[in-house]
Amino acid sequence: MRLIAAAGIMALLAGVQPAAAAEVTVSAVQITRFKDSALDQPVDKLIWRGGIAMVSQEDTFGGLSGLTFTGADHRAVFVSDRGNFVSGQLAYDDANRLFGFIGVTIDPMRNSKGDLLPRQYARDAESVDTVYRDGLPVAVRVGFENLTRVADFALSNGVPGGAAREVAIPDWLSQLRTNSTLESVCVAPAGSPIAGSTLLLAEGAFDADGNHRGWLLGQSDKGPVSYRSSAATDPTECAFLPNGDLLVLERGVSFLSFSMALRRVPAAEVRAGNVMAGEVLLSAGGGEVDNMESMAVYTAADGETRVVIGSDNNFNDWQRSLLLEFGLPEAPIQR
């Protein structure tokens, strides 16, 4: 997370965690156009499927920096800049259009002793993915910056909680102490050549060639990896497709304006010792996007692979909590 105004910093530092799980109401307005595309029309190399802008009267809702699906019927969990889990269900209409986020609860994260995280420096959660065992979701894996670390939290009925279980990461990463360190954490699916391994990507740590440093956590698939982004954007989230291809979400900041890019890296390129460089599937800027930091992938009822991309409003009134959804066509779009 890169805050771009002093007001954003003060809002973040002033935030508090709820003492226990709290139910909140989230309102949403549907978004029907993206760039020059109407619903179900191509946009770059994807298909625009619609989106929502979310708001709530509760000041604990916001700062949504990571997204993962944890159960059937679009059960979803966000992680927040203030060290909270924001859990609920993404709601779809009869045309399979996203129209809301319902049944929302906000739960404070806890440390390995089961205590509330003591201060903002330790709460800055930036990424989340679901850990599966025997095909069932059993935990979420969360990446934090500032106090850079990775931790697992057990799932109960699709909602994470309880004491954190720390995951060992390399010293070069854990020793980073800024708000542009560990932005991306994703777990490789069964269809990946590195199934079960976890990919970590840093926003502000670079190798000798200027590529973003990363690391693979696994048994046999373990070691350094690098990622080449564009000059104007940095990686803020990753997600694997079912076949093992990797999606990387990138975000750029210029004054009070944001830009984004989405890249696809072939599965064979996601391996220790490699420099990953994917093709751009989508790019946008200005009013079409906000501070895009979260992403998740799911398979729709009709078999289409859907990509959901969200923004972190940094708890600022002048930013938005967006969710934008795209279909990934089986064959490349010809232009």
Protein backbone atom coordinates (compact mmCIF):
# COMPACT_ATOMS: atom_id res chain seq x y z
CA MET A 1 0.00 0.00 0.00
CA ARG A 2 1.40 3.38 -0.98
CA LEU A 3 -0.50 6.25 0.62
CA ILE A 4 -0.40 9.35 -1.54
CA ALA A 5 -1.46 12.11 0.83
CA ALA A 6 -0.84 13.08 4.43
CA ALA A 7 -4.58 12.87 5.06
CA GLY A 8 -4.48 9.20 4.07
CA ILE A 9 -1.66 8.51 6.52
CA MET A 10 -3.49 10.19 9.37
CA ALA A 11 -6.71 8.33 8.59
CA LEU A 12 -4.86 5.03 8.61
CA LEU A 13 -3.02 5.68 11.86
CA ALA A 14 -6.22 6.80 13.54
CA GLY A 15 -8.01 3.56 12.70
CA VAL A 16 -8.98 1.11 15.39
CA GLN A 17 -9.93 -2.53 15.31
CA PRO A 18 -13.27 -3.83 16.53
CA ALA A 19 -12.84 -5.78 19.76
CA ALA A 20 -14.86 -8.68 18.33
CA ALA A 21 -16.70 -9.65 15.15
CA ALA A 22 -19.04 -6.87 14.03
CA GLU A 23 -21.83 -7.02 11.44
CA VAL A 24 -21.87 -4.16 8.95
CA THR A 25 -24.15 -3.13 6.10
CA VAL A 26 -22.49 -2.47 2.75
CA SER A 27 -24.32 -0.64 -0.02
CA ALA A 28 -23.30 -1.05 -3.65
CA VAL A 29 -23.93 0.68 -6.97
CA GLN A 30 -23.54 -1.39 -10.12
CA ILE A 31 -21.00 -0.32 -12.74
CA THR A 32 -22.03 -1.15 -16.30
CA ARG A 33 -19.28 0.41 -18.43
CA PHE A 34 -15.52 0.13 -18.40
CA LYS A 35 -13.36 2.20 -20.71
CA ASP A 36 -15.41 2.22 -23.93
CA SER A 37 -17.00 -1.19 -23.34
CA ALA A 38 -20.57 -2.05 -22.37
CA LEU A 39 -21.43 -5.24 -20.50
CA ASP A 40 -20.26 -8.43 -22.22
CA GLN A 41 -18.09 -6.56 -24.70
CA PRO A 42 -14.33 -7.02 -25.13
CA VAL A 43 -12.03 -4.72 -23.21
CA ASP A 44 -8.41 -5.23 -24.24
CA LYS A 45 -7.94 -9.03 -24.02
CA LEU A 46 -10.76 -9.68 -21.55
CA ILE A 47 -14.57 -9.48 -21.50
CA TRP A 48 -16.19 -6.84 -19.30
CA ARG A 49 -18.75 -8.47 -16.97
CA GLY A 50 -19.64 -5.54 -14.70
CA GLY A 51 -18.77 -4.35 -11.24
CA ILE A 52 -19.81 -2.46 -8.13
CA ALA A 53 -18.73 0.51 -6.03
CA MET A 54 -19.15 -0.28 -2.31
CA VAL A 55 -19.78 2.08 0.62
CA SER A 56 -20.69 1.68 4.27
CA GLN A 57 -21.58 4.00 7.13
CA GLU A 58 -19.25 2.01 9.38
CA ASP A 59 -15.77 3.51 9.60
CA THR A 60 -14.25 0.04 10.01
CA PHE A 61 -15.16 -0.84 6.40
CA GLY A 62 -12.48 0.08 3.87
CA GLY A 63 -8.80 -0.38 3.10
CA LEU A 64 -9.56 -3.61 1.24
CA SER A 65 -6.12 -4.77 0.14
CA GLY A 66 -6.57 -8.46 -0.66
CA LEU A 67 -9.40 -10.80 -1.72
CA THR A 68 -9.92 -14.55 -1.77
CA PHE A 69 -12.83 -16.97 -2.10
CA THR A 70 -13.26 -19.33 0.86
CA GLY A 71 -16.37 -21.33 0.05
CA ALA A 72 -19.31 -22.00 -2.23
CA ASP A 73 -21.79 -19.34 -3.35
CA HIS A 74 -19.07 -16.70 -3.70
CA ARG A 75 -18.14 -16.69 -0.03
CA ALA A 76 -15.33 -14.12 0.04
CA VAL A 77 -12.82 -12.64 2.47
CA PHE A 78 -10.93 -9.36 2.18
CA VAL A 79 -8.02 -8.27 4.34
CA SER A 80 -7.82 -4.67 5.47
CA ASP A 81 -5.03 -2.15 6.07
CA ARG A 82 -6.19 -1.98 9.70
CA GLY A 83 -5.64 -5.66 10.41
CA ASN A 84 -9.21 -6.89 9.92
CA PHE A 85 -10.86 -9.72 8.03
CA VAL A 86 -13.89 -8.46 6.07
CA SER A 87 -16.01 -11.53 5.28
CA GLY A 88 -19.25 -11.91 3.38
CA GLN A 89 -20.85 -13.10 0.17
CA LEU A 90 -20.57 -11.54 -3.26
CA ALA A 91 -24.14 -11.39 -4.59
CA TYR A 92 -25.07 -11.94 -8.24
CA ASP A 93 -28.35 -11.37 -10.09
CA ASP A 94 -30.12 -13.75 -12.48
CA ALA A 95 -27.89 -12.56 -15.33
CA ASN A 96 -24.81 -13.47 -13.26
CA ARG A 97 -23.94 -9.79 -12.70
CA LEU A 98 -22.26 -8.76 -9.49
CA PHE A 99 -24.60 -6.44 -7.59
CA GLY A 100 -23.63 -6.50 -3.92
CA PHE A 101 -21.60 -7.66 -0.93
CA ILE A 102 -23.92 -9.09 1.74
CA GLY A 103 -23.79 -10.74 5.16
CA VAL A 104 -20.65 -8.78 5.95
CA THR A 105 -18.75 -9.18 9.21
CA ILE A 106 -15.51 -7.54 10.27
CA ASP A 107 -13.20 -9.53 12.55
CA PRO A 108 -9.92 -8.32 14.04
CA MET A 109 -6.82 -10.35 13.26
CA ARG A 110 -4.84 -11.82 16.12
CA ASN A 111 -1.21 -12.70 16.71
CA SER A 112 0.25 -16.12 17.43
CA LYS A 113 -0.82 -15.84 21.09
CA GLY A 114 -4.42 -15.12 20.12
CA ASP A 115 -4.20 -11.47 21.19
CA LEU A 116 -5.30 -8.48 19.12
CA LEU A 117 -2.51 -7.03 16.99
CA PRO A 118 -1.06 -4.31 19.22
CA ARG A 119 -0.45 -1.42 16.83
CA GLN A 120 -0.91 -0.28 13.25
CA TYR A 121 2.67 -1.21 12.34
CA ALA A 122 1.71 -4.86 12.83
CA ARG A 123 -1.76 -4.70 11.26
CA ASP A 124 -1.02 -3.72 7.66
CA ALA A 125 -2.39 -6.78 5.83
CA GLU A 126 -1.93 -6.51 2.07
CA SER A 127 -2.66 -9.89 0.48
CA VAL A 128 -4.59 -13.09 1.11
CA ASP A 129 -5.15 -16.45 -0.55
CA THR A 130 -6.92 -19.65 0.44
CA VAL A 131 -5.07 -22.79 1.50
CA TYR A 132 -6.70 -26.07 0.45
CA ARG A 133 -6.23 -29.55 1.88
CA ASP A 134 -7.76 -32.56 0.09
CA GLY A 135 -9.73 -30.12 -2.05
CA LEU A 136 -11.27 -28.29 0.91
CA PRO A 137 -10.51 -24.74 2.09
CA VAL A 138 -8.90 -24.98 5.54
CA ALA A 139 -7.12 -21.66 6.07
CA VAL A 140 -6.18 -18.33 4.56
CA ARG A 141 -2.59 -17.22 4.09
CA VAL A 142 -2.04 -13.49 4.72
CA GLY A 143 0.88 -11.28 3.77
CA PHE A 144 1.71 -8.18 5.81
CA GLU A 145 3.95 -5.20 5.11
CA ASN A 146 5.67 -2.76 7.53
CA LEU A 147 6.14 -5.62 10.03
CA THR A 148 6.73 -7.90 7.05
CA ARG A 149 5.55 -11.46 7.60
CA VAL A 150 3.21 -14.23 6.40
CA ALA A 151 0.69 -16.00 8.62
CA ASP A 152 -2.08 -18.58 8.28
CA PHE A 153 -5.50 -18.32 9.94
CA ALA A 154 -7.90 -21.25 10.24
CA LEU A 155 -11.26 -21.15 8.45
CA SER A 156 -14.59 -21.91 10.10
CA ASN A 157 -17.59 -21.89 7.75
CA GLY A 158 -15.59 -19.78 5.32
CA VAL A 159 -14.63 -17.14 7.92
CA PRO A 160 -11.01 -16.87 9.11
CA GLY A 161 -10.03 -16.29 12.72
CA GLY A 162 -8.15 -17.51 15.76
CA ALA A 163 -4.47 -17.27 16.50
CA ALA A 164 -2.04 -16.65 13.67
CA ARG A 165 0.30 -19.44 12.60
CA GLU A 166 3.49 -17.80 11.38
CA VAL A 167 4.92 -19.02 8.05
CA ALA A 168 8.69 -18.90 7.66
CA ILE A 169 9.90 -16.50 4.95
CA PRO A 170 13.47 -15.58 3.88
CA ASP A 171 15.41 -13.11 6.01
CA TRP A 172 15.85 -10.56 3.21
CA LEU A 173 12.08 -10.19 3.06
CA SER A 174 11.27 -10.24 6.77
CA GLN A 175 13.93 -7.58 7.38
CA LEU A 176 12.17 -5.08 5.10
CA ARG A 177 10.28 -2.53 7.18
CA THR A 178 8.36 -0.19 4.87
CA ASN A 179 4.85 0.08 3.43
CA SER A 180 6.00 -1.10 0.00
CA THR A 181 7.32 -4.56 0.81
CA LEU A 182 5.19 -7.71 0.61
CA GLU A 183 2.17 -6.88 -1.56
CA SER A 184 1.41 -10.23 -3.22
CA VAL A 185 0.84 -13.71 -1.83
CA CYS A 186 -0.74 -16.52 -3.85
CA VAL A 187 -0.88 -20.31 -3.54
CA ALA A 188 -0.43 -22.46 -6.64
CA PRO A 189 -3.44 -24.71 -7.47
CA ALA A 190 -3.48 -28.41 -8.22
CA GLY A 191 -3.14 -27.76 -11.97
CA SER A 192 0.13 -25.89 -11.55
CA PRO A 193 3.58 -27.44 -12.06
CA ILE A 194 4.38 -26.06 -8.58
CA ALA A 195 1.09 -27.10 -6.96
CA GLY A 196 0.85 -26.14 -3.30
CA SER A 197 3.77 -23.72 -3.38
CA THR A 198 3.30 -20.11 -2.30
CA LEU A 199 4.55 -17.22 -4.41
CA LEU A 200 5.61 -14.01 -2.63
CA LEU A 201 6.21 -10.82 -4.63
CA ALA A 202 7.62 -7.57 -3.23
CA GLU A 203 6.56 -4.15 -4.45
CA GLY A 204 9.65 -2.17 -3.46
CA ALA A 205 12.52 -4.69 -3.36
CA PHE A 206 14.53 -5.19 -6.56
CA ASP A 207 17.20 -7.51 -7.94
CA ALA A 208 20.41 -6.34 -9.64
CA ASP A 209 18.55 -5.86 -12.94
CA GLY A 210 15.76 -3.76 -11.45
CA ASN A 211 13.14 -6.52 -11.40
CA HIS A 212 10.85 -7.03 -8.41
CA ARG A 213 12.22 -9.64 -6.02
CA GLY A 214 10.12 -12.63 -5.05
CA TRP A 215 10.33 -16.03 -3.41
CA LEU A 216 8.72 -19.43 -3.80
CA LEU A 217 7.82 -21.28 -0.61
CA GLY A 218 7.50 -25.00 -1.21
CA GLN A 219 9.14 -28.35 -0.66
CA SER A 220 10.87 -28.88 -4.00
CA ASP A 221 9.76 -25.57 -5.55
CA LYS A 222 11.66 -23.19 -3.32
CA GLY A 223 13.94 -20.25 -3.93
CA PRO A 224 14.27 -16.78 -5.46
CA VAL A 225 12.21 -15.56 -8.38
CA SER A 226 11.93 -12.16 -10.05
CA TYR A 227 9.13 -10.31 -11.81
CA ARG A 228 9.44 -7.69 -14.55
CA SER A 229 6.69 -5.05 -14.44
CA SER A 230 6.22 -2.03 -16.65
CA ALA A 231 8.11 1.17 -15.83
CA ALA A 232 5.01 2.97 -14.53
CA THR A 233 3.42 0.27 -12.35
CA ASP A 234 4.37 -2.10 -9.52
CA PRO A 235 2.88 -5.49 -8.55
CA THR A 236 0.17 -5.29 -5.90
CA GLU A 237 -1.44 -8.74 -6.08
CA CYS A 238 -1.15 -12.14 -7.72
CA ALA A 239 -3.57 -15.01 -8.40
CA PHE A 240 -3.20 -18.32 -10.16
CA LEU A 241 -5.52 -19.56 -12.89
CA PRO A 242 -6.69 -23.19 -12.63
CA ASN A 243 -4.12 -24.32 -15.23
CA GLY A 244 -1.24 -22.77 -13.28
CA ASP A 245 -0.81 -19.60 -15.31
CA LEU A 246 -0.15 -16.61 -13.06
CA LEU A 247 -2.01 -13.30 -13.08
CA VAL A 248 -0.21 -10.28 -11.64
CA LEU A 249 -2.07 -7.05 -10.88
CA GLU A 250 0.01 -3.88 -11.15
CA ARG A 251 -0.79 -0.41 -9.82
CA GLY A 252 0.65 2.99 -10.66
CA VAL A 253 0.29 6.30 -8.79
CA SER A 254 0.66 9.80 -10.21
CA PHE A 255 -0.41 12.70 -7.97
CA LEU A 256 -4.08 11.90 -7.24
CA SER A 257 -4.55 9.60 -10.23
CA PHE A 258 -4.13 5.84 -10.49
CA SER A 259 -3.36 3.42 -13.29
CA MET A 260 -3.37 -0.37 -13.46
CA ALA A 261 -2.24 -3.27 -15.60
CA LEU A 262 -3.00 -6.99 -15.49
CA ARG A 263 -0.43 -9.44 -16.83
CA ARG A 264 -0.53 -13.19 -17.49
CA VAL A 265 2.59 -15.30 -16.95
CA PRO A 266 2.62 -18.85 -18.42
CA ALA A 267 2.69 -21.62 -15.83
CA ALA A 268 6.05 -22.92 -17.05
CA GLU A 269 7.66 -19.54 -16.29
CA VAL A 270 6.67 -19.63 -12.60
CA ARG A 271 9.71 -21.38 -11.19
CA ALA A 272 12.60 -20.66 -8.87
CA GLY A 273 15.53 -18.83 -10.46
CA ASN A 274 13.46 -17.36 -13.29
CA VAL A 275 12.56 -13.81 -14.27
CA MET A 276 8.82 -13.76 -14.97
CA ALA A 277 7.52 -11.40 -17.65
CA GLY A 278 3.91 -11.76 -18.78
CA GLU A 279 1.68 -10.38 -21.52
CA VAL A 280 -0.64 -7.48 -20.72
CA LEU A 281 -4.29 -8.55 -20.65
CA LEU A 282 -5.74 -5.26 -19.44
CA SER A 283 -4.64 -1.69 -18.75
CA ALA A 284 -6.58 1.35 -17.56
CA GLY A 285 -6.23 4.63 -15.74
CA GLY A 286 -7.96 7.76 -14.54
CA GLY A 287 -11.59 7.54 -13.48
CA GLU A 288 -11.97 3.95 -14.65
CA VAL A 289 -9.92 2.64 -11.74
CA ASP A 290 -8.76 3.53 -8.24
CA ASN A 291 -5.99 2.13 -6.02
CA MET A 292 -6.24 -1.41 -7.40
CA GLU A 293 -4.75 -3.88 -4.89
CA SER A 294 -6.87 -7.03 -4.66
CA MET A 295 -7.68 -9.86 -7.05
CA ALA A 296 -9.29 -13.29 -7.04
CA VAL A 297 -10.20 -15.88 -9.68
CA TYR A 298 -13.22 -18.19 -9.82
CA THR A 299 -15.09 -20.36 -12.32
CA ALA A 300 -18.61 -19.15 -13.17
CA ALA A 301 -21.60 -21.50 -13.50
CA ASP A 302 -21.22 -21.50 -17.29
CA GLY A 303 -17.57 -22.56 -17.01
CA GLU A 304 -16.05 -19.17 -17.77
CA THR A 305 -12.99 -18.14 -15.79
CA ARG A 306 -13.75 -14.84 -14.02
CA VAL A 307 -11.23 -12.37 -12.63
CA VAL A 308 -12.37 -10.00 -9.87
CA ILE A 309 -10.18 -6.94 -9.23
CA GLY A 310 -10.69 -4.60 -6.26
CA SER A 311 -9.41 -1.28 -4.95
CA ASP A 312 -8.17 -0.10 -1.56
CA ASN A 313 -9.66 3.29 -0.63
CA ASN A 314 -7.14 3.82 2.21
CA PHE A 315 -10.13 4.91 4.34
CA ASN A 316 -10.25 8.16 2.35
CA ASP A 317 -13.57 9.74 1.35
CA TRP A 318 -12.14 10.75 -2.03
CA GLN A 319 -11.22 7.19 -2.98
CA ARG A 320 -13.50 4.26 -3.85
CA SER A 321 -13.89 0.60 -2.93
CA LEU A 322 -14.41 -0.88 -6.39
CA LEU A 323 -14.91 -4.47 -7.52
CA LEU A 324 -14.52 -4.99 -11.27
CA GLU A 325 -15.20 -8.34 -12.91
CA PHE A 326 -13.90 -9.67 -16.23
CA GLY A 327 -14.22 -12.88 -18.19
CA LEU A 328 -11.13 -14.58 -19.54
CA PRO A 329 -11.87 -15.86 -23.07
CA GLU A 330 -10.64 -19.32 -24.02
CA ALA A 331 -9.09 -17.97 -27.22
CA PRO A 332 -7.27 -14.62 -27.53
CA ILE A 333 -9.40 -11.69 -28.67
CA GLN A 334 -8.41 -10.59 -32.17
CA ARG A 335 -8.22 -6.87 -32.87
